[in-house]
Each structure stands twice: as C-alpha cells, then as structure tokens.
N, C-alpha and C. Protein backbone atom coordinates (compact mmCIF):
# COMPACT_ATOMS: atom_id res chain seq x y z
N MET A 1 0.83 -1.16 0.00
CA MET A 1 0.00 0.00 0.00
C MET A 1 0.89 1.24 0.00
N PHE A 2 0.55 2.20 -0.84
CA PHE A 2 1.30 3.45 -0.92
C PHE A 2 0.56 4.52 -0.14
N ARG A 3 1.33 5.34 0.53
CA ARG A 3 0.73 6.44 1.30
C ARG A 3 1.26 7.76 0.76
N LYS A 4 0.40 8.73 0.75
CA LYS A 4 0.77 10.08 0.33
C LYS A 4 0.31 11.04 1.40
N ALA A 5 1.01 12.13 1.50
CA ALA A 5 0.58 13.18 2.43
C ALA A 5 -0.76 13.74 1.96
N ARG A 6 -1.59 14.09 2.91
CA ARG A 6 -2.93 14.58 2.57
C ARG A 6 -2.88 15.79 1.65
N LYS A 7 -1.95 16.70 1.91
CA LYS A 7 -1.91 17.90 1.06
C LYS A 7 -1.48 17.56 -0.36
N ASN A 8 -0.65 16.52 -0.53
CA ASN A 8 -0.28 16.10 -1.89
C ASN A 8 -1.48 15.52 -2.62
N VAL A 9 -2.27 14.75 -1.92
CA VAL A 9 -3.48 14.18 -2.53
C VAL A 9 -4.44 15.31 -2.90
N GLU A 10 -4.59 16.28 -2.00
CA GLU A 10 -5.47 17.42 -2.27
C GLU A 10 -4.97 18.21 -3.47
N ASP A 11 -3.66 18.44 -3.54
CA ASP A 11 -3.09 19.18 -4.67
C ASP A 11 -3.36 18.46 -5.98
N ASP A 12 -3.14 17.14 -5.98
CA ASP A 12 -3.36 16.36 -7.20
C ASP A 12 -4.83 16.36 -7.60
N GLU A 13 -5.70 16.21 -6.62
CA GLU A 13 -7.14 16.20 -6.89
C GLU A 13 -7.59 17.56 -7.44
N ARG A 14 -7.09 18.62 -6.82
CA ARG A 14 -7.46 19.97 -7.27
C ARG A 14 -6.98 20.22 -8.70
N ALA A 15 -5.76 19.80 -9.00
CA ALA A 15 -5.23 19.97 -10.35
C ALA A 15 -6.05 19.17 -11.36
N ARG A 16 -6.44 17.97 -10.99
CA ARG A 16 -7.26 17.14 -11.87
C ARG A 16 -8.62 17.80 -12.11
N ASP A 17 -9.24 18.31 -11.04
CA ASP A 17 -10.54 18.98 -11.17
C ASP A 17 -10.45 20.19 -12.09
N VAL A 18 -9.40 21.00 -11.91
CA VAL A 18 -9.22 22.20 -12.73
C VAL A 18 -9.01 21.81 -14.19
N ALA A 19 -8.22 20.78 -14.42
CA ALA A 19 -7.97 20.34 -15.80
C ALA A 19 -9.26 19.85 -16.45
N GLU A 20 -10.09 19.12 -15.69
CA GLU A 20 -11.37 18.64 -16.23
C GLU A 20 -12.30 19.81 -16.56
N LEU A 21 -12.36 20.78 -15.66
CA LEU A 21 -13.21 21.94 -15.91
C LEU A 21 -12.74 22.71 -17.14
N ARG A 22 -11.44 22.89 -17.27
CA ARG A 22 -10.90 23.59 -18.44
C ARG A 22 -11.23 22.83 -19.73
N ALA A 23 -11.10 21.51 -19.69
CA ALA A 23 -11.41 20.70 -20.87
C ALA A 23 -12.88 20.83 -21.24
N ASP A 24 -13.75 20.79 -20.24
CA ASP A 24 -15.19 20.94 -20.49
C ASP A 24 -15.49 22.31 -21.10
N ILE A 25 -14.87 23.34 -20.55
CA ILE A 25 -15.09 24.70 -21.07
C ILE A 25 -14.62 24.81 -22.51
N ASP A 26 -13.44 24.27 -22.80
CA ASP A 26 -12.92 24.31 -24.16
C ASP A 26 -13.83 23.57 -25.14
N GLN A 27 -14.34 22.42 -24.71
CA GLN A 27 -15.23 21.65 -25.57
C GLN A 27 -16.52 22.43 -25.84
N LEU A 28 -17.08 23.03 -24.81
CA LEU A 28 -18.30 23.81 -25.00
C LEU A 28 -18.06 25.03 -25.88
N LYS A 29 -16.91 25.65 -25.75
CA LYS A 29 -16.59 26.80 -26.60
C LYS A 29 -16.50 26.39 -28.06
N ALA A 30 -15.97 25.20 -28.30
CA ALA A 30 -15.90 24.70 -29.67
C ALA A 30 -17.31 24.46 -30.21
N GLU A 31 -18.19 23.95 -29.37
CA GLU A 31 -19.59 23.74 -29.79
C GLU A 31 -20.28 25.08 -30.05
N VAL A 32 -20.01 26.07 -29.21
CA VAL A 32 -20.63 27.38 -29.38
C VAL A 32 -20.25 27.99 -30.72
N ALA A 33 -19.03 27.76 -31.14
CA ALA A 33 -18.56 28.33 -32.40
C ALA A 33 -19.35 27.79 -33.60
N HIS A 34 -19.93 26.60 -33.46
CA HIS A 34 -20.64 25.98 -34.58
C HIS A 34 -22.15 25.94 -34.35
N THR A 35 -22.64 26.68 -33.37
CA THR A 35 -24.06 26.63 -33.02
C THR A 35 -24.66 28.03 -33.13
N HIS A 36 -25.97 28.07 -33.31
CA HIS A 36 -26.67 29.35 -33.43
C HIS A 36 -27.92 29.34 -32.56
N GLY A 37 -28.40 30.54 -32.28
CA GLY A 37 -29.70 30.72 -31.64
C GLY A 37 -29.75 30.32 -30.18
N GLU A 38 -30.87 29.69 -29.85
CA GLU A 38 -31.15 29.34 -28.46
C GLU A 38 -30.14 28.34 -27.90
N ARG A 39 -29.72 27.40 -28.71
CA ARG A 39 -28.72 26.40 -28.26
C ARG A 39 -27.42 27.10 -27.89
N LYS A 40 -27.04 28.11 -28.65
CA LYS A 40 -25.81 28.85 -28.36
C LYS A 40 -25.91 29.54 -27.00
N ALA A 41 -27.06 30.12 -26.71
CA ALA A 41 -27.27 30.81 -25.42
C ALA A 41 -27.19 29.81 -24.26
N LYS A 42 -27.76 28.62 -24.46
CA LYS A 42 -27.70 27.59 -23.41
C LYS A 42 -26.27 27.13 -23.18
N LEU A 43 -25.54 26.94 -24.26
CA LEU A 43 -24.14 26.53 -24.12
C LEU A 43 -23.32 27.62 -23.43
N GLN A 44 -23.58 28.86 -23.78
CA GLN A 44 -22.85 29.96 -23.14
C GLN A 44 -23.16 30.03 -21.65
N ALA A 45 -24.40 29.75 -21.29
CA ALA A 45 -24.78 29.73 -19.87
C ALA A 45 -24.03 28.63 -19.14
N ARG A 46 -23.89 27.47 -19.78
CA ARG A 46 -23.13 26.37 -19.17
C ARG A 46 -21.66 26.74 -19.04
N ILE A 47 -21.12 27.43 -20.04
CA ILE A 47 -19.72 27.87 -19.98
C ILE A 47 -19.54 28.83 -18.81
N ASP A 48 -20.46 29.76 -18.66
CA ASP A 48 -20.38 30.72 -17.55
C ASP A 48 -20.43 30.01 -16.20
N LYS A 49 -21.31 29.01 -16.10
CA LYS A 49 -21.43 28.24 -14.86
C LYS A 49 -20.12 27.48 -14.57
N LEU A 50 -19.54 26.88 -15.59
CA LEU A 50 -18.28 26.16 -15.41
C LEU A 50 -17.14 27.12 -15.06
N ASN A 51 -17.14 28.30 -15.68
CA ASN A 51 -16.11 29.30 -15.34
C ASN A 51 -16.21 29.71 -13.88
N ALA A 52 -17.44 29.87 -13.38
CA ALA A 52 -17.64 30.23 -11.97
C ALA A 52 -17.14 29.10 -11.06
N LYS A 53 -17.44 27.88 -11.46
CA LYS A 53 -16.98 26.72 -10.69
C LYS A 53 -15.46 26.64 -10.70
N LEU A 54 -14.86 26.90 -11.85
CA LEU A 54 -13.40 26.90 -11.97
C LEU A 54 -12.79 27.98 -11.07
N GLN A 55 -13.36 29.15 -11.09
CA GLN A 55 -12.85 30.23 -10.25
C GLN A 55 -12.98 29.88 -8.77
N ALA A 56 -14.07 29.22 -8.40
CA ALA A 56 -14.25 28.80 -7.01
C ALA A 56 -13.16 27.80 -6.61
N LYS A 57 -12.85 26.87 -7.50
CA LYS A 57 -11.78 25.90 -7.22
C LYS A 57 -10.45 26.61 -7.04
N LEU A 58 -10.16 27.58 -7.88
CA LEU A 58 -8.91 28.32 -7.77
C LEU A 58 -8.86 29.14 -6.48
N ASP A 59 -9.99 29.72 -6.10
CA ASP A 59 -10.05 30.46 -4.84
C ASP A 59 -9.83 29.53 -3.65
N GLN A 60 -10.42 28.33 -3.71
CA GLN A 60 -10.20 27.34 -2.65
C GLN A 60 -8.72 26.97 -2.58
N ALA A 61 -8.09 26.84 -3.72
CA ALA A 61 -6.67 26.49 -3.75
C ALA A 61 -5.84 27.59 -3.08
N LYS A 62 -6.18 28.84 -3.36
CA LYS A 62 -5.46 29.95 -2.73
C LYS A 62 -5.65 29.95 -1.22
N GLN A 63 -6.89 29.74 -0.78
CA GLN A 63 -7.18 29.72 0.65
C GLN A 63 -6.45 28.58 1.33
N ARG A 64 -6.45 27.42 0.70
CA ARG A 64 -5.76 26.26 1.27
C ARG A 64 -4.26 26.51 1.33
N ALA A 65 -3.73 27.17 0.32
CA ALA A 65 -2.30 27.48 0.31
C ALA A 65 -1.94 28.40 1.47
N GLU A 66 -2.79 29.37 1.76
CA GLU A 66 -2.55 30.27 2.89
C GLU A 66 -2.63 29.51 4.21
N GLN A 67 -3.59 28.60 4.30
CA GLN A 67 -3.73 27.79 5.51
C GLN A 67 -2.49 26.91 5.71
N ILE A 68 -2.03 26.28 4.65
CA ILE A 68 -0.85 25.43 4.73
C ILE A 68 0.38 26.26 5.10
N LYS A 69 0.46 27.46 4.55
CA LYS A 69 1.58 28.34 4.87
C LYS A 69 1.60 28.66 6.36
N SER A 70 0.46 28.98 6.93
CA SER A 70 0.37 29.28 8.36
C SER A 70 0.74 28.07 9.20
N GLU A 71 0.21 26.90 8.81
CA GLU A 71 0.52 25.67 9.53
C GLU A 71 2.01 25.35 9.46
N THR A 72 2.58 25.55 8.29
CA THR A 72 4.00 25.27 8.10
C THR A 72 4.85 26.19 8.96
N GLU A 73 4.52 27.47 8.97
CA GLU A 73 5.26 28.42 9.79
C GLU A 73 5.18 28.06 11.27
N ALA A 74 4.00 27.64 11.72
CA ALA A 74 3.83 27.25 13.12
C ALA A 74 4.68 26.02 13.45
N LYS A 75 4.68 25.04 12.57
CA LYS A 75 5.48 23.84 12.78
C LYS A 75 6.96 24.17 12.82
N VAL A 76 7.39 24.98 11.88
CA VAL A 76 8.81 25.34 11.80
C VAL A 76 9.23 26.10 13.06
N ASN A 77 8.41 27.05 13.49
CA ASN A 77 8.74 27.81 14.70
C ASN A 77 8.82 26.91 15.93
N ALA A 78 7.87 25.99 16.05
CA ALA A 78 7.87 25.08 17.19
C ALA A 78 9.12 24.20 17.18
N LEU A 79 9.46 23.68 16.00
CA LEU A 79 10.65 22.83 15.90
C LEU A 79 11.93 23.61 16.15
N GLN A 80 11.99 24.83 15.67
CA GLN A 80 13.18 25.65 15.90
C GLN A 80 13.34 25.98 17.38
N ASN A 81 12.22 26.23 18.06
CA ASN A 81 12.29 26.48 19.51
C ASN A 81 12.80 25.25 20.25
N LYS A 82 12.33 24.08 19.84
CA LYS A 82 12.82 22.84 20.47
C LYS A 82 14.29 22.63 20.15
N ALA A 83 14.67 22.90 18.91
CA ALA A 83 16.06 22.69 18.50
C ALA A 83 17.01 23.61 19.26
N GLU A 84 16.57 24.81 19.60
CA GLU A 84 17.41 25.75 20.34
C GLU A 84 17.73 25.23 21.74
N LYS A 85 16.83 24.40 22.27
CA LYS A 85 16.99 23.89 23.64
C LYS A 85 17.75 22.56 23.69
N THR A 86 18.08 22.02 22.53
CA THR A 86 18.75 20.72 22.50
C THR A 86 20.13 20.85 21.85
N GLN A 87 20.84 19.72 21.89
CA GLN A 87 22.18 19.70 21.31
C GLN A 87 22.39 18.39 20.57
N GLY A 88 23.44 18.39 19.76
CA GLY A 88 23.92 17.18 19.11
C GLY A 88 22.97 16.57 18.11
N GLU A 89 22.80 15.26 18.24
CA GLU A 89 22.02 14.49 17.27
C GLU A 89 20.54 14.89 17.27
N ILE A 90 20.00 15.18 18.42
CA ILE A 90 18.59 15.57 18.50
C ILE A 90 18.38 16.90 17.79
N LYS A 91 19.31 17.82 17.97
CA LYS A 91 19.23 19.11 17.28
C LYS A 91 19.29 18.92 15.76
N ALA A 92 20.16 18.03 15.31
CA ALA A 92 20.28 17.73 13.88
C ALA A 92 18.98 17.14 13.34
N THR A 93 18.34 16.31 14.16
CA THR A 93 17.05 15.71 13.76
C THR A 93 16.00 16.80 13.59
N PHE A 94 15.93 17.72 14.54
CA PHE A 94 14.97 18.82 14.43
C PHE A 94 15.26 19.68 13.20
N ASP A 95 16.52 19.98 12.98
CA ASP A 95 16.90 20.79 11.83
C ASP A 95 16.53 20.09 10.51
N ALA A 96 16.71 18.78 10.47
CA ALA A 96 16.35 18.02 9.27
C ALA A 96 14.84 18.06 9.04
N ARG A 97 14.07 17.96 10.12
CA ARG A 97 12.61 18.03 9.98
C ARG A 97 12.18 19.40 9.49
N VAL A 98 12.80 20.44 9.99
CA VAL A 98 12.48 21.81 9.56
C VAL A 98 12.76 21.93 8.06
N LYS A 99 13.89 21.42 7.62
CA LYS A 99 14.24 21.49 6.20
C LYS A 99 13.23 20.72 5.35
N ARG A 100 12.84 19.52 5.81
CA ARG A 100 11.88 18.71 5.06
C ARG A 100 10.52 19.40 4.98
N ILE A 101 10.10 19.99 6.08
CA ILE A 101 8.81 20.70 6.10
C ILE A 101 8.85 21.88 5.14
N ARG A 102 9.93 22.63 5.16
CA ARG A 102 10.05 23.77 4.25
C ARG A 102 10.09 23.32 2.79
N ASP A 103 10.81 22.24 2.52
CA ASP A 103 10.88 21.72 1.14
C ASP A 103 9.51 21.27 0.66
N ASP A 104 8.77 20.58 1.53
CA ASP A 104 7.41 20.15 1.17
C ASP A 104 6.51 21.34 0.89
N HIS A 105 6.66 22.37 1.71
CA HIS A 105 5.85 23.58 1.52
C HIS A 105 6.19 24.26 0.19
N GLU A 106 7.46 24.35 -0.12
CA GLU A 106 7.87 24.96 -1.39
C GLU A 106 7.33 24.17 -2.58
N GLU A 107 7.34 22.86 -2.48
CA GLU A 107 6.81 22.03 -3.57
C GLU A 107 5.31 22.27 -3.74
N SER A 108 4.60 22.36 -2.64
CA SER A 108 3.16 22.63 -2.68
C SER A 108 2.89 23.99 -3.31
N GLN A 109 3.68 24.99 -2.96
CA GLN A 109 3.53 26.32 -3.52
C GLN A 109 3.80 26.33 -5.02
N LYS A 110 4.78 25.55 -5.46
CA LYS A 110 5.07 25.46 -6.89
C LYS A 110 3.89 24.89 -7.65
N LYS A 111 3.26 23.85 -7.08
CA LYS A 111 2.09 23.25 -7.73
C LYS A 111 0.96 24.28 -7.85
N LEU A 112 0.73 25.02 -6.79
CA LEU A 112 -0.33 26.03 -6.82
C LEU A 112 -0.01 27.11 -7.85
N LYS A 113 1.22 27.58 -7.87
CA LYS A 113 1.59 28.61 -8.83
C LYS A 113 1.44 28.11 -10.26
N HIS A 114 1.77 26.85 -10.48
CA HIS A 114 1.62 26.26 -11.81
C HIS A 114 0.14 26.21 -12.19
N LEU A 115 -0.69 25.84 -11.25
CA LEU A 115 -2.13 25.77 -11.47
C LEU A 115 -2.69 27.15 -11.82
N LEU A 116 -2.29 28.15 -11.05
CA LEU A 116 -2.78 29.51 -11.29
C LEU A 116 -2.20 30.10 -12.58
N ALA A 117 -0.95 29.78 -12.88
CA ALA A 117 -0.34 30.27 -14.12
C ALA A 117 -1.07 29.70 -15.33
N GLY A 118 -1.47 28.45 -15.25
CA GLY A 118 -2.24 27.85 -16.34
C GLY A 118 -3.56 28.58 -16.55
N GLN A 119 -4.18 28.97 -15.46
CA GLN A 119 -5.44 29.72 -15.55
C GLN A 119 -5.21 31.08 -16.19
N LEU A 120 -4.13 31.75 -15.82
CA LEU A 120 -3.83 33.06 -16.39
C LEU A 120 -3.51 32.95 -17.89
N THR A 121 -2.79 31.91 -18.26
CA THR A 121 -2.47 31.67 -19.66
C THR A 121 -3.75 31.44 -20.47
N ALA A 122 -4.65 30.64 -19.90
CA ALA A 122 -5.92 30.37 -20.59
C ALA A 122 -6.74 31.65 -20.72
N ALA A 123 -6.74 32.46 -19.68
CA ALA A 123 -7.50 33.72 -19.74
C ALA A 123 -6.91 34.65 -20.79
N ALA A 124 -5.58 34.70 -20.88
CA ALA A 124 -4.93 35.55 -21.88
C ALA A 124 -5.26 35.06 -23.29
N ALA A 125 -5.29 33.75 -23.46
CA ALA A 125 -5.62 33.20 -24.77
C ALA A 125 -7.06 33.55 -25.17
N ARG A 126 -7.96 33.52 -24.18
CA ARG A 126 -9.36 33.90 -24.48
C ARG A 126 -9.46 35.36 -24.87
N LEU A 127 -8.68 36.20 -24.25
CA LEU A 127 -8.70 37.63 -24.59
C LEU A 127 -8.18 37.91 -25.98
N GLU A 128 -7.23 37.11 -26.43
CA GLU A 128 -6.65 37.30 -27.76
C GLU A 128 -7.62 36.92 -28.86
N LYS A 129 -8.57 36.05 -28.55
CA LYS A 129 -9.51 35.59 -29.58
C LYS A 129 -10.51 36.62 -29.94
C-alpha cells in the first residue's frame, strides 16, 4: 500500500478537477462556435457556470495554500524552539525536519503557482480571440 501526504493528494485532486473543468469549457466553446440561436445561449450559460466553478476551485486552492503556509510556519517555529533547547544528534534531527517541512511547503507552492499560471495563460488566450 502506498501512502501520500494529505496535502499532496489534495493538490493532485485539485489539479485534476481544474484540468477537467478547463477541458469541459474548451469543448463547450468549440460547440458554441458551430451553433446558433437558443442552443448557443444555453451553451454559453453552461460555460459561464463552469467558469464560476473553476474560479471557485482556484479560490479554494489559494485559501488552502494560505492555511498550509500558516501551519508550516507554526510547525517550523515550534521545531526551531525545540532545536534551540537541544544539542547534538537531537538538534540535527529537528533541523532536518524543519528542512523537510520547508521543502514540502515549497513544492506545494510550486504546484499552486503552476495551477494559477495555467489559468492566467488560458485567460490571456481567451482575450486574444
């Protein structure tokens, strides 16, 4: 059995959801281009609804990133305080944990930035059309 950190699973799930929403939006836009009248209006309404859902997912990702940042800072501060009171091998263990926590946080932030950058790129492409 493989185990993953909860935030990694959440990041992957969020990225998958965003990718699915973007694909659905792109497909509907292609249909809108070849449709007229009432059907076009219905498709546009679905696109607007999916765009709102996509924006909500991105907002949730930002909020979760802020929450993780706060949690990470609290963990790092607590470990650093403990490390200051210890010596030798135990201090090295605390320092290693601090480094691992910071590295995990940086990786999570990179995923979020990549997710948001993709959204900005897609928005820019829509504006060019």
